[in-house]
Amino acid sequence: MSVIRAFIAIDLSPEIHQQLDEVLEKYRTQLGKIPIRWVTATNIHLTLKFLGDVSLANLDMLTKMIQAEVSNHHQFEISVGGSGAFPNYRQPHVIWVGVEAPQELIAVQNGIEAATARLGYAREERAFSPHLTIGRVSRNATTQDVKEISRTLEKIKVGFLGATCVEQVHLYRSDLRPTGAVYTQIFSTSLMRAD
């Protein structure tokens, strides 16, 4: 049985990707020697649901479910800016840029979460927290490295990077390569136009 790694996500505008690239450059300059896996700016997206392994035999059912769920919701705008770390600045494992979005985003994500659970995909235990992952701190980072990351995150403030209208939701295939993940869009569906 053939399987792919897949996730459901929202794309960002080229302008926001450009701004994120500049933010990444500032962080990389400050934290260059610390073991952090930085995400390439063009690969940054707003993940709604990480599915993990998806059987190719179930792909048609999955895409129909996504289309049915997404078509119930109107287009909306998201704003990108601010930064932080999960779980917190003192123990940074994931470095992120923030996303502000209306309730419609939460409704879309909750709908997708419920629908994918009905198809047998595990529910996310944590509440949905819209963010853009820009880096993952390696387990090899020393205590000194972690302190330096914390200081840098508090020092480099990320302001407003832009806003974009969300018109579509996408299903992506994720192929892990030695050079990093390669994402391929395999399905897209549109939200309702706001009248």
Protein backbone atom coordinates (compact mmCIF):
# COMPACT_ATOMS: atom_id res chain seq x y z
CA MET A 1 0.00 0.00 0.00
CA SER A 2 1.44 3.37 -1.03
CA VAL A 3 1.39 6.22 1.47
CA ILE A 4 2.47 9.86 1.43
CA ARG A 5 3.13 12.31 4.27
CA ALA A 6 0.57 15.09 4.00
CA PHE A 7 -0.84 18.19 5.65
CA ILE A 8 -3.63 20.74 5.08
CA ALA A 9 -2.54 24.38 4.95
CA ILE A 10 -3.12 27.97 3.86
CA ASP A 11 -0.62 29.72 1.59
CA LEU A 12 0.82 33.19 2.17
CA SER A 13 1.31 36.03 -0.29
CA PRO A 14 4.71 36.53 -2.02
CA GLU A 15 5.00 39.85 -0.13
CA ILE A 16 4.69 38.11 3.24
CA HIS A 17 7.20 35.44 2.16
CA GLN A 18 9.63 38.26 1.30
CA GLN A 19 9.14 39.83 4.74
CA LEU A 20 9.61 36.44 6.43
CA ASP A 21 12.85 35.94 4.49
CA GLU A 22 14.15 39.22 5.96
CA VAL A 23 13.15 38.13 9.49
CA LEU A 24 14.89 34.76 8.97
CA GLU A 25 18.03 36.55 7.78
CA LYS A 26 18.15 38.63 11.00
CA TYR A 27 17.76 35.52 13.17
CA ARG A 28 20.28 33.48 11.15
CA THR A 29 22.82 36.31 11.41
CA GLN A 30 22.46 36.42 15.21
CA LEU A 31 22.13 32.67 15.82
CA GLY A 32 24.27 31.28 12.98
CA LYS A 33 26.37 28.91 15.09
CA ILE A 34 23.46 27.48 17.10
CA PRO A 35 21.88 24.22 15.86
CA ILE A 36 18.51 25.44 14.57
CA ARG A 37 16.76 24.01 11.50
CA TRP A 38 15.44 27.14 9.77
CA VAL A 39 12.49 26.83 7.41
CA THR A 40 13.03 28.23 3.90
CA ALA A 41 10.78 31.30 3.58
CA THR A 42 8.98 29.96 0.49
CA ASN A 43 8.09 26.77 2.44
CA ILE A 44 6.39 28.70 5.26
CA HIS A 45 2.61 28.24 5.39
CA LEU A 46 -0.18 28.22 7.96
CA THR A 47 -0.79 24.57 8.83
CA LEU A 48 -4.42 23.73 9.64
CA LYS A 49 -3.89 19.98 10.11
CA PHE A 50 -0.83 17.74 9.92
CA LEU A 51 -2.12 14.35 8.74
CA GLY A 52 1.08 12.30 8.71
CA ASP A 53 0.84 9.15 6.59
CA VAL A 54 -2.04 9.16 4.10
CA SER A 55 -2.87 6.11 2.00
CA LEU A 56 -3.13 6.96 -1.71
CA ALA A 57 -6.26 4.78 -1.72
CA ASN A 58 -7.91 7.26 0.71
CA LEU A 59 -6.84 10.40 -1.17
CA ASP A 60 -10.10 10.81 -3.08
CA MET A 61 -12.20 10.51 0.09
CA LEU A 62 -9.90 12.96 1.89
CA THR A 63 -10.06 15.60 -0.87
CA LYS A 64 -13.88 15.35 -1.03
CA MET A 65 -14.03 15.85 2.75
CA ILE A 66 -11.75 18.92 2.59
CA GLN A 67 -13.80 20.40 -0.24
CA ALA A 68 -17.11 19.79 1.55
CA GLU A 69 -15.81 21.36 4.78
CA VAL A 70 -14.02 24.38 3.27
CA SER A 71 -16.92 25.29 0.95
CA ASN A 72 -19.05 26.04 4.06
CA HIS A 73 -16.85 29.00 5.02
CA HIS A 74 -16.26 32.51 3.69
CA GLN A 75 -12.94 34.01 2.64
CA PHE A 76 -11.19 35.98 5.38
CA GLU A 77 -8.06 38.04 5.99
CA ILE A 78 -5.10 37.14 8.18
CA SER A 79 -2.39 39.47 9.52
CA VAL A 80 1.17 38.30 10.11
CA GLY A 81 3.51 39.76 12.73
CA GLY A 82 5.03 39.34 16.17
CA SER A 83 7.16 36.39 17.19
CA GLY A 84 7.63 33.89 19.96
CA ALA A 85 8.60 30.34 20.85
CA PHE A 86 6.90 27.14 21.95
CA PRO A 87 6.63 26.21 24.74
CA ASN A 88 8.12 29.59 25.83
CA TYR A 89 11.15 31.89 25.52
CA ARG A 90 13.08 30.11 28.30
CA GLN A 91 12.71 26.69 26.65
CA PRO A 92 12.43 27.43 22.92
CA HIS A 93 11.79 24.31 20.81
CA VAL A 94 9.91 25.98 17.96
CA ILE A 95 10.45 29.59 16.86
CA TRP A 96 7.41 31.18 15.25
CA VAL A 97 5.92 34.31 13.73
CA GLY A 98 2.38 35.13 14.81
CA VAL A 99 -0.87 35.11 12.83
CA GLU A 100 -3.93 37.15 13.72
CA ALA A 101 -7.10 35.88 12.16
CA PRO A 102 -10.85 36.19 12.54
CA GLN A 103 -13.09 33.54 14.06
CA GLU A 104 -13.65 32.16 10.53
CA LEU A 105 -10.12 30.66 10.55
CA ILE A 106 -10.83 28.86 13.83
CA ALA A 107 -14.14 27.60 12.40
CA VAL A 108 -12.39 26.26 9.25
CA GLN A 109 -9.68 24.56 11.30
CA ASN A 110 -12.18 23.05 13.78
CA GLY A 111 -14.26 21.73 10.88
CA ILE A 112 -11.23 20.13 9.24
CA GLU A 113 -10.11 18.68 12.59
CA ALA A 114 -13.54 17.09 13.17
CA ALA A 115 -13.87 15.81 9.59
CA THR A 116 -10.39 14.26 9.50
CA ALA A 117 -11.06 12.63 12.89
CA ARG A 118 -14.12 10.95 11.34
CA LEU A 119 -11.76 9.55 8.68
CA GLY A 120 -9.54 8.10 11.41
CA TYR A 121 -6.80 10.75 11.73
CA ALA A 122 -5.77 11.49 15.32
CA ARG A 123 -7.14 14.70 16.84
CA GLU A 124 -4.60 17.34 17.89
CA GLU A 125 -4.47 17.39 21.69
CA ARG A 126 -3.50 21.08 21.95
CA ALA A 127 -5.90 23.86 21.05
CA PHE A 128 -5.26 25.39 17.60
CA SER A 129 -2.84 28.31 17.88
CA PRO A 130 -2.34 30.00 14.47
CA HIS A 131 1.39 30.53 13.85
CA LEU A 132 4.08 30.20 11.19
CA THR A 133 6.98 27.95 12.19
CA ILE A 134 10.26 29.54 11.08
CA GLY A 135 12.76 27.38 12.99
CA ARG A 136 13.14 24.26 15.13
CA VAL A 137 15.80 24.16 17.82
CA SER A 138 17.93 21.01 17.68
CA ARG A 139 18.04 18.63 20.64
CA ASN A 140 21.83 19.11 20.45
CA ALA A 141 21.51 22.76 21.54
CA THR A 142 23.43 23.41 24.77
CA THR A 143 22.11 25.33 27.78
CA GLN A 144 24.22 28.28 26.60
CA ASP A 145 22.67 28.01 23.10
CA VAL A 146 19.16 28.09 24.59
CA LYS A 147 20.02 31.22 26.62
CA GLU A 148 21.35 32.90 23.47
CA ILE A 149 18.16 32.01 21.54
CA SER A 150 16.03 33.46 24.37
CA ARG A 151 18.05 36.69 24.42
CA THR A 152 17.83 37.05 20.65
CA LEU A 153 14.06 36.44 20.58
CA GLU A 154 13.57 39.15 23.20
CA LYS A 155 15.94 41.55 21.40
CA ILE A 156 14.75 41.20 17.78
CA LYS A 157 11.16 42.40 17.67
CA VAL A 158 9.10 41.33 14.67
CA GLY A 159 6.54 43.96 13.73
CA PHE A 160 3.60 43.77 11.32
CA LEU A 161 4.71 41.90 8.18
CA GLY A 162 1.53 42.17 6.12
CA ALA A 163 -1.97 40.90 5.59
CA THR A 164 -3.42 38.56 3.00
CA CYS A 165 -6.87 37.40 1.94
CA VAL A 166 -7.34 33.65 2.36
CA GLU A 167 -9.26 32.33 -0.64
CA GLN A 168 -8.18 28.68 -0.72
CA VAL A 169 -7.13 25.75 1.43
CA HIS A 170 -4.58 23.25 0.10
CA LEU A 171 -3.55 19.65 0.65
CA TYR A 172 0.23 19.24 0.47
CA ARG A 173 2.48 16.24 0.09
CA SER A 174 5.67 16.46 2.19
CA ASP A 175 8.79 14.63 1.01
CA LEU A 176 11.68 14.63 3.47
CA ARG A 177 15.04 15.02 1.74
CA PRO A 178 18.56 15.47 3.16
CA THR A 179 18.37 19.14 2.07
CA GLY A 180 15.04 19.64 3.87
CA ALA A 181 11.35 19.04 3.24
CA VAL A 182 9.91 19.49 -0.25
CA TYR A 183 6.21 20.39 -0.36
CA THR A 184 4.03 19.64 -3.39
CA GLN A 185 0.48 20.98 -3.63
CA ILE A 186 -1.78 18.06 -4.63
CA PHE A 187 -5.26 19.54 -4.09
CA SER A 188 -6.84 22.97 -3.61
CA THR A 189 -10.37 24.09 -2.83
CA SER A 190 -11.92 27.55 -2.51
CA LEU A 191 -13.70 29.28 0.34
CA MET A 192 -16.94 31.11 -0.42
CA ARG A 193 -16.53 34.66 -1.66
CA ALA A 194 -17.53 37.26 0.94
CA ASP A 195 -20.44 39.24 -0.50
